[in-house]
């Protein structure tokens, strides 16, 4: 399992870094799901079916629109 560092701007505009274990580099959507489950555990349980199929990367869109969280980068930790 590889460690990945996800850098994002939180809801206060502060650059933040979290580390996650994944087999492969997470997509932006997967990184958004990981961030949401760590920072917003209750909303992470909600079903985004309403957005699926209508928008690419619904979790990325939801984090940005509803929580002002925007992913900046995904980096492998050596």
PDB file of N, CA and C in Angstrom:
ATOM      1  N   UNK A   1       0.864  -1.175   0.000  1.00  0.00           N
ATOM      2  CA  UNK A   1       0.000   0.000   0.000  1.00  0.00           C
ATOM      3  C   UNK A   1       0.909   1.236   0.000  1.00  0.00           C
ATOM      4  N   UNK A   2       0.600   2.189  -0.856  1.00  0.00           N
ATOM      5  CA  UNK A   2       1.392   3.411  -0.947  1.00  0.00           C
ATOM      6  C   UNK A   2       0.709   4.532  -0.179  1.00  0.00           C
ATOM      7  N   UNK A   3       1.514   5.470   0.303  1.00  0.00           N
ATOM      8  CA  UNK A   3       0.979   6.650   1.005  1.00  0.00           C
ATOM      9  C   UNK A   3       0.910   7.818   0.033  1.00  0.00           C
ATOM     10  N   UNK A   4      -0.218   8.476   0.044  1.00  0.00           N
ATOM     11  CA  UNK A   4      -0.448   9.628  -0.834  1.00  0.00           C
ATOM     12  C   UNK A   4      -0.775  10.844   0.023  1.00  0.00           C
ATOM     13  N   UNK A   5      -0.250  11.969  -0.383  1.00  0.00           N
ATOM     14  CA  UNK A   5      -0.481  13.233   0.312  1.00  0.00           C
ATOM     15  C   UNK A   5      -1.424  14.066  -0.546  1.00  0.00           C
ATOM     16  N   UNK A   6      -2.549  14.444   0.035  1.00  0.00           N
ATOM     17  CA  UNK A   6      -3.535  15.262  -0.668  1.00  0.00           C
ATOM     18  C   UNK A   6      -3.512  16.653  -0.049  1.00  0.00           C
ATOM     19  N   UNK A   7      -3.196  17.645  -0.875  1.00  0.00           N
ATOM     20  CA  UNK A   7      -3.154  19.037  -0.431  1.00  0.00           C
ATOM     21  C   UNK A   7      -4.430  19.717  -0.914  1.00  0.00           C
ATOM     22  N   UNK A   8      -5.094  20.414  -0.004  1.00  0.00           N
ATOM     23  CA  UNK A   8      -6.338  21.086  -0.355  1.00  0.00           C
ATOM     24  C   UNK A   8      -6.486  22.363   0.460  1.00  0.00           C
ATOM     25  N   UNK A   9      -7.364  23.224  -0.001  1.00  0.00           N
ATOM     26  CA  UNK A   9      -7.705  24.445   0.729  1.00  0.00           C
ATOM     27  C   UNK A   9      -8.973  24.131   1.509  1.00  0.00           C
ATOM     28  N   UNK A  10      -8.917  24.317   2.841  1.00  0.00           N
ATOM     29  CA  UNK A  10     -10.083  24.000   3.661  1.00  0.00           C
ATOM     30  C   UNK A  10     -11.107  25.131   3.618  1.00  0.00           C
ATOM     31  N   UNK A  11     -12.158  24.982   4.392  1.00  0.00           N
ATOM     32  CA  UNK A  11     -13.260  25.947   4.367  1.00  0.00           C
ATOM     33  C   UNK A  11     -12.891  27.315   4.948  1.00  0.00           C
ATOM     34  N   UNK A  12     -11.699  27.439   5.528  1.00  0.00           N
ATOM     35  CA  UNK A  12     -11.232  28.728   6.040  1.00  0.00           C
ATOM     36  C   UNK A  12     -10.178  29.341   5.127  1.00  0.00           C
ATOM     37  N   UNK A  13      -9.925  28.692   3.967  1.00  0.00           N
ATOM     38  CA  UNK A  13      -8.936  29.194   3.023  1.00  0.00           C
ATOM     39  C   UNK A  13      -7.510  28.829   3.380  1.00  0.00           C
ATOM     40  N   UNK A  14      -7.341  27.899   4.317  1.00  0.00           N
ATOM     41  CA  UNK A  14      -6.015  27.498   4.780  1.00  0.00           C
ATOM     42  C   UNK A  14      -5.567  26.241   4.029  1.00  0.00           C
ATOM     43  N   UNK A  15      -4.384  26.280   3.404  1.00  0.00           N
ATOM     44  CA  UNK A  15      -3.876  25.056   2.758  1.00  0.00           C
ATOM     45  C   UNK A  15      -3.646  23.969   3.820  1.00  0.00           C
ATOM     46  N   UNK A  16      -4.145  22.777   3.560  1.00  0.00           N
ATOM     47  CA  UNK A  16      -4.091  21.673   4.502  1.00  0.00           C
ATOM     48  C   UNK A  16      -3.599  20.425   3.775  1.00  0.00           C
ATOM     49  N   UNK A  17      -2.880  19.565   4.501  1.00  0.00           N
ATOM     50  CA  UNK A  17      -2.367  18.326   3.915  1.00  0.00           C
ATOM     51  C   UNK A  17      -2.849  17.147   4.746  1.00  0.00           C
ATOM     52  N   UNK A  18      -3.370  16.133   4.084  1.00  0.00           N
ATOM     53  CA  UNK A  18      -3.773  14.883   4.731  1.00  0.00           C
ATOM     54  C   UNK A  18      -3.098  13.738   3.988  1.00  0.00           C
ATOM     55  N   UNK A  19      -2.800  12.664   4.696  1.00  0.00           N
ATOM     56  CA  UNK A  19      -2.176  11.496   4.086  1.00  0.00           C
ATOM     57  C   UNK A  19      -3.164  10.328   4.099  1.00  0.00           C
ATOM     58  N   UNK A  20      -3.166   9.584   2.978  1.00  0.00           N
ATOM     59  CA  UNK A  20      -4.058   8.441   2.822  1.00  0.00           C
ATOM     60  C   UNK A  20      -3.290   7.275   2.217  1.00  0.00           C
ATOM     61  N   UNK A  21      -3.665   6.053   2.572  1.00  0.00           N
ATOM     62  CA  UNK A  21      -3.081   4.844   1.997  1.00  0.00           C
ATOM     63  C   UNK A  21      -3.978   4.365   0.865  1.00  0.00           C
ATOM     64  N   UNK A  22      -3.373   4.205  -0.323  1.00  0.00           N
ATOM     65  CA  UNK A  22      -4.105   3.705  -1.490  1.00  0.00           C
ATOM     66  C   UNK A  22      -3.160   2.859  -2.331  1.00  0.00           C
ATOM     67  N   UNK A  23      -3.698   1.854  -3.016  1.00  0.00           N
ATOM     68  CA  UNK A  23      -2.891   1.015  -3.899  1.00  0.00           C
ATOM     69  C   UNK A  23      -2.333   1.822  -5.061  1.00  0.00           C
ATOM     70  N   UNK A  24      -3.180   2.655  -5.667  1.00  0.00           N
ATOM     71  CA  UNK A  24      -2.799   3.466  -6.818  1.00  0.00           C
ATOM     72  C   UNK A  24      -3.091   4.924  -6.500  1.00  0.00           C
ATOM     73  N   UNK A  25      -2.573   5.806  -7.362  1.00  0.00           N
ATOM     74  CA  UNK A  25      -2.840   7.231  -7.161  1.00  0.00           C
ATOM     75  C   UNK A  25      -4.349   7.475  -7.189  1.00  0.00           C
ATOM     76  N   UNK A  26      -4.890   8.091  -6.141  1.00  0.00           N
ATOM     77  CA  UNK A  26      -6.330   8.344  -6.132  1.00  0.00           C
ATOM     78  C   UNK A  26      -6.706   9.411  -7.167  1.00  0.00           C
ATOM     79  N   UNK A  27      -7.846   9.228  -7.779  1.00  0.00           N
ATOM     80  CA  UNK A  27      -8.373  10.243  -8.685  1.00  0.00           C
ATOM     81  C   UNK A  27      -8.826  11.431  -7.844  1.00  0.00           C
ATOM     82  N   UNK A  28      -9.142  12.531  -8.489  1.00  0.00           N
ATOM     83  CA  UNK A  28      -9.657  13.695  -7.753  1.00  0.00           C
ATOM     84  C   UNK A  28     -10.942  13.309  -7.018  1.00  0.00           C
ATOM     85  N   UNK A  29     -11.794  12.511  -7.665  1.00  0.00           N
ATOM     86  CA  UNK A  29     -13.050  12.091  -7.048  1.00  0.00           C
ATOM     87  C   UNK A  29     -12.782  11.232  -5.809  1.00  0.00           C
ATOM     88  N   UNK A  30     -11.854  10.280  -5.921  1.00  0.00           N
ATOM     89  CA  UNK A  30     -11.534   9.408  -4.780  1.00  0.00           C
ATOM     90  C   UNK A  30     -10.905  10.223  -3.649  1.00  0.00           C
ATOM     91  N   UNK A  31     -10.014  11.162  -3.994  1.00  0.00           N
ATOM     92  CA  UNK A  31      -9.400  12.026  -2.987  1.00  0.00           C
ATOM     93  C   UNK A  31     -10.473  12.857  -2.278  1.00  0.00           C
ATOM     94  N   UNK A  32     -11.439  13.356  -3.031  1.00  0.00           N
ATOM     95  CA  UNK A  32     -12.533  14.130  -2.435  1.00  0.00           C
ATOM     96  C   UNK A  32     -13.348  13.265  -1.475  1.00  0.00           C
ATOM     97  N   UNK A  33     -13.576  12.001  -1.845  1.00  0.00           N
ATOM     98  CA  UNK A  33     -14.311  11.090  -0.961  1.00  0.00           C
ATOM     99  C   UNK A  33     -13.533  10.828   0.323  1.00  0.00           C
ATOM    100  N   UNK A  34     -12.221  10.654   0.205  1.00  0.00           N
ATOM    101  CA  UNK A  34     -11.390  10.426   1.389  1.00  0.00           C
ATOM    102  C   UNK A  34     -11.383  11.639   2.316  1.00  0.00           C
ATOM    103  N   UNK A  35     -11.260  12.821   1.728  1.00  0.00           N
ATOM    104  CA  UNK A  35     -11.271  14.060   2.523  1.00  0.00           C
ATOM    105  C   UNK A  35     -12.626  14.234   3.206  1.00  0.00           C
ATOM    106  N   UNK A  36     -13.683  14.027   2.440  1.00  0.00           N
ATOM    107  CA  UNK A  36     -15.033  14.192   2.997  1.00  0.00           C
ATOM    108  C   UNK A  36     -15.273  13.233   4.157  1.00  0.00           C
ATOM    109  N   UNK A  37     -14.826  11.980   4.018  1.00  0.00           N
ATOM    110  CA  UNK A  37     -15.055  11.023   5.100  1.00  0.00           C
ATOM    111  C   UNK A  37     -14.248  11.367   6.346  1.00  0.00           C
ATOM    112  N   UNK A  38     -13.102  12.015   6.172  1.00  0.00           N
ATOM    113  CA  UNK A  38     -12.282  12.379   7.325  1.00  0.00           C
ATOM    114  C   UNK A  38     -12.766  13.675   7.984  1.00  0.00           C
ATOM    115  N   UNK A  39     -13.094  14.677   7.184  1.00  0.00           N
ATOM    116  CA  UNK A  39     -13.473  15.984   7.738  1.00  0.00           C
ATOM    117  C   UNK A  39     -14.964  16.127   8.007  1.00  0.00           C
ATOM    118  N   UNK A  40     -15.773  15.440   7.235  1.00  0.00           N
ATOM    119  CA  UNK A  40     -17.224  15.577   7.334  1.00  0.00           C
ATOM    120  C   UNK A  40     -17.861  14.190   7.388  1.00  0.00           C
ATOM    121  N   UNK A  41     -17.678  13.451   8.482  1.00  0.00           N
ATOM    122  CA  UNK A  41     -18.143  12.067   8.519  1.00  0.00           C
ATOM    123  C   UNK A  41     -19.651  11.882   8.349  1.00  0.00           C
ATOM    124  N   UNK A  42     -20.441  12.790   8.839  1.00  0.00           N
ATOM    125  CA  UNK A  42     -21.892  12.638   8.704  1.00  0.00           C
ATOM    126  C   UNK A  42     -22.332  12.861   7.251  1.00  0.00           C
ATOM    127  N   UNK A  43     -21.931  13.965   6.601  1.00  0.00           N
ATOM    128  CA  UNK A  43     -22.305  14.119   5.192  1.00  0.00           C
ATOM    129  C   UNK A  43     -21.704  13.038   4.295  1.00  0.00           C
ATOM    130  N   UNK A  44     -20.607  12.440   4.701  1.00  0.00           N
ATOM    131  CA  UNK A  44     -19.996  11.383   3.892  1.00  0.00           C
ATOM    132  C   UNK A  44     -20.921  10.184   3.762  1.00  0.00           C
ATOM    133  N   UNK A  45     -21.827  10.027   4.721  1.00  0.00           N
ATOM    134  CA  UNK A  45     -22.767   8.911   4.673  1.00  0.00           C
ATOM    135  C   UNK A  45     -23.949   9.189   3.741  1.00  0.00           C
ATOM    136  N   UNK A  46     -24.127  10.435   3.338  1.00  0.00           N
ATOM    137  CA  UNK A  46     -25.252  10.788   2.471  1.00  0.00           C
ATOM    138  C   UNK A  46     -25.032  10.260   1.063  1.00  0.00           C
ATOM    139  N   UNK A  47     -26.099   9.936   0.401  1.00  0.00           N
ATOM    140  CA  UNK A  47     -26.055   9.395  -0.945  1.00  0.00           C
ATOM    141  C   UNK A  47     -26.023  10.549  -1.953  1.00  0.00           C
ATOM    142  N   UNK A  48     -25.041  10.527  -2.854  1.00  0.00           N
ATOM    143  CA  UNK A  48     -24.954  11.577  -3.869  1.00  0.00           C
ATOM    144  C   UNK A  48     -25.588  11.136  -5.185  1.00  0.00           C
ATOM    145  N   UNK A  49     -26.496  10.179  -5.140  1.00  0.00           N
ATOM    146  CA  UNK A  49     -27.118   9.697  -6.368  1.00  0.00           C
ATOM    147  C   UNK A  49     -27.766  10.816  -7.161  1.00  0.00           C
ATOM    148  N   UNK A  50     -28.213  11.838  -6.472  1.00  0.00           N
ATOM    149  CA  UNK A  50     -28.841  12.955  -7.158  1.00  0.00           C
ATOM    150  C   UNK A  50     -27.868  13.624  -8.131  1.00  0.00           C
ATOM    151  N   UNK A  51     -26.577  13.593  -7.818  1.00  0.00           N
ATOM    152  CA  UNK A  51     -25.594  14.227  -8.691  1.00  0.00           C
ATOM    153  C   UNK A  51     -24.948  13.249  -9.664  1.00  0.00           C
ATOM    154  N   UNK A  52     -24.980  11.969  -9.352  1.00  0.00           N
ATOM    155  CA  UNK A  52     -24.325  10.989 -10.214  1.00  0.00           C
ATOM    156  C   UNK A  52     -24.988  10.953 -11.577  1.00  0.00           C
ATOM    157  N   UNK A  53     -24.156  10.929 -12.602  1.00  0.00           N
ATOM    158  CA  UNK A  53     -24.670  10.891 -13.964  1.00  0.00           C
ATOM    159  C   UNK A  53     -24.961  12.265 -14.530  1.00  0.00           C
ATOM    160  N   UNK A  54     -25.135  13.230 -13.682  1.00  0.00           N
ATOM    161  CA  UNK A  54     -25.417  14.585 -14.156  1.00  0.00           C
ATOM    162  C   UNK A  54     -24.174  15.460 -14.131  1.00  0.00           C
ATOM    163  N   UNK A  55     -23.186  15.062 -13.345  1.00  0.00           N
ATOM    164  CA  UNK A  55     -21.966  15.850 -13.254  1.00  0.00           C
ATOM    165  C   UNK A  55     -20.774  14.919 -13.076  1.00  0.00           C
ATOM    166  N   UNK A  56     -19.657  15.306 -13.653  1.00  0.00           N
ATOM    167  CA  UNK A  56     -18.431  14.555 -13.417  1.00  0.00           C
ATOM    168  C   UNK A  56     -17.946  14.860 -12.018  1.00  0.00           C
ATOM    169  N   UNK A  57     -17.403  13.867 -11.349  1.00  0.00           N
ATOM    170  CA  UNK A  57     -16.827  14.033 -10.014  1.00  0.00           C
ATOM    171  C   UNK A  57     -17.781  14.736  -9.041  1.00  0.00           C
ATOM    172  N   UNK A  58     -18.909  14.107  -8.710  1.00  0.00           N
ATOM    173  CA  UNK A  58     -19.902  14.759  -7.842  1.00  0.00           C
ATOM    174  C   UNK A  58     -19.375  15.121  -6.452  1.00  0.00           C
ATOM    175  N   UNK A  59     -18.457  14.323  -5.907  1.00  0.00           N
ATOM    176  CA  UNK A  59     -17.938  14.632  -4.566  1.00  0.00           C
ATOM    177  C   UNK A  59     -17.036  15.858  -4.615  1.00  0.00           C
ATOM    178  N   UNK A  60     -16.238  15.981  -5.670  1.00  0.00           N
ATOM    179  CA  UNK A  60     -15.389  17.165  -5.843  1.00  0.00           C
ATOM    180  C   UNK A  60     -16.269  18.401  -5.912  1.00  0.00           C
ATOM    181  N   UNK A  61     -17.324  18.336  -6.715  1.00  0.00           N
ATOM    182  CA  UNK A  61     -18.247  19.468  -6.866  1.00  0.00           C
ATOM    183  C   UNK A  61     -18.942  19.799  -5.553  1.00  0.00           C
ATOM    184  N   UNK A  62     -19.404  18.779  -4.845  1.00  0.00           N
ATOM    185  CA  UNK A  62     -20.097  18.980  -3.576  1.00  0.00           C
ATOM    186  C   UNK A  62     -19.184  19.625  -2.532  1.00  0.00           C
ATOM    187  N   UNK A  63     -17.953  19.139  -2.412  1.00  0.00           N
ATOM    188  CA  UNK A  63     -17.021  19.727  -1.441  1.00  0.00           C
ATOM    189  C   UNK A  63     -16.767  21.198  -1.743  1.00  0.00           C
ATOM    190  N   UNK A  64     -16.581  21.503  -3.023  1.00  0.00           N
ATOM    191  CA  UNK A  64     -16.283  22.891  -3.399  1.00  0.00           C
ATOM    192  C   UNK A  64     -17.503  23.795  -3.220  1.00  0.00           C
ATOM    193  N   UNK A  65     -18.645  23.362  -3.709  1.00  0.00           N
ATOM    194  CA  UNK A  65     -19.851  24.195  -3.667  1.00  0.00           C
ATOM    195  C   UNK A  65     -20.436  24.341  -2.266  1.00  0.00           C
ATOM    196  N   UNK A  66     -20.459  23.257  -1.496  1.00  0.00           N
ATOM    197  CA  UNK A  66     -21.126  23.285  -0.207  1.00  0.00           C
ATOM    198  C   UNK A  66     -20.200  23.542   0.969  1.00  0.00           C
ATOM    199  N   UNK A  67     -18.907  23.185   0.826  1.00  0.00           N
ATOM    200  CA  UNK A  67     -17.997  23.300   1.964  1.00  0.00           C
ATOM    201  C   UNK A  67     -16.767  24.145   1.681  1.00  0.00           C
ATOM    202  N   UNK A  68     -16.660  24.718   0.488  1.00  0.00           N
ATOM    203  CA  UNK A  68     -15.515  25.559   0.101  1.00  0.00           C
ATOM    204  C   UNK A  68     -14.177  24.842   0.255  1.00  0.00           C
ATOM    205  N   UNK A  69     -14.163  23.527  -0.001  1.00  0.00           N
ATOM    206  CA  UNK A  69     -12.937  22.741   0.067  1.00  0.00           C
ATOM    207  C   UNK A  69     -12.528  22.412  -1.357  1.00  0.00           C
ATOM    208  N   UNK A  70     -11.291  22.755  -1.728  1.00  0.00           N
ATOM    209  CA  UNK A  70     -10.811  22.526  -3.080  1.00  0.00           C
ATOM    210  C   UNK A  70      -9.465  21.801  -3.050  1.00  0.00           C
ATOM    211  N   UNK A  71      -9.384  20.687  -3.760  1.00  0.00           N
ATOM    212  CA  UNK A  71      -8.160  19.896  -3.811  1.00  0.00           C
ATOM    213  C   UNK A  71      -7.156  20.584  -4.733  1.00  0.00           C
ATOM    214  N   UNK A  72      -5.923  20.734  -4.233  1.00  0.00           N
ATOM    215  CA  UNK A  72      -4.863  21.367  -5.011  1.00  0.00           C
ATOM    216  C   UNK A  72      -3.948  20.344  -5.676  1.00  0.00           C
ATOM    217  N   UNK A  73      -3.566  19.293  -4.935  1.00  0.00           N
ATOM    218  CA  UNK A  73      -2.649  18.312  -5.519  1.00  0.00           C
ATOM    219  C   UNK A  73      -2.732  16.985  -4.790  1.00  0.00           C
ATOM    220  N   UNK A  74      -2.264  15.937  -5.505  1.00  0.00           N
ATOM    221  CA  UNK A  74      -2.161  14.588  -4.969  1.00  0.00           C
ATOM    222  C   UNK A  74      -0.735  14.136  -5.265  1.00  0.00           C
ATOM    223  N   UNK A  75       0.039  13.802  -4.226  1.00  0.00           N
ATOM    224  CA  UNK A  75       1.448  13.491  -4.380  1.00  0.00           C
ATOM    225  C   UNK A  75       1.796  12.200  -3.665  1.00  0.00           C
ATOM    226  N   UNK A  76       2.620  11.375  -4.312  1.00  0.00           N
ATOM    227  CA  UNK A  76       3.116  10.151  -3.694  1.00  0.00           C
ATOM    228  C   UNK A  76       4.180  10.521  -2.674  1.00  0.00           C
ATOM    229  N   UNK A  77       4.095   9.924  -1.478  1.00  0.00           N
ATOM    230  CA  UNK A  77       5.105  10.152  -0.456  1.00  0.00           C
ATOM    231  C   UNK A  77       6.171   9.072  -0.606  1.00  0.00           C
ATOM    232  N   UNK A  78       7.396   9.500  -0.828  1.00  0.00           N
ATOM    233  CA  UNK A  78       8.481   8.531  -1.055  1.00  0.00           C
ATOM    234  C   UNK A  78       8.941   7.893   0.231  1.00  0.00           C
TER     235      UNK A  78
END
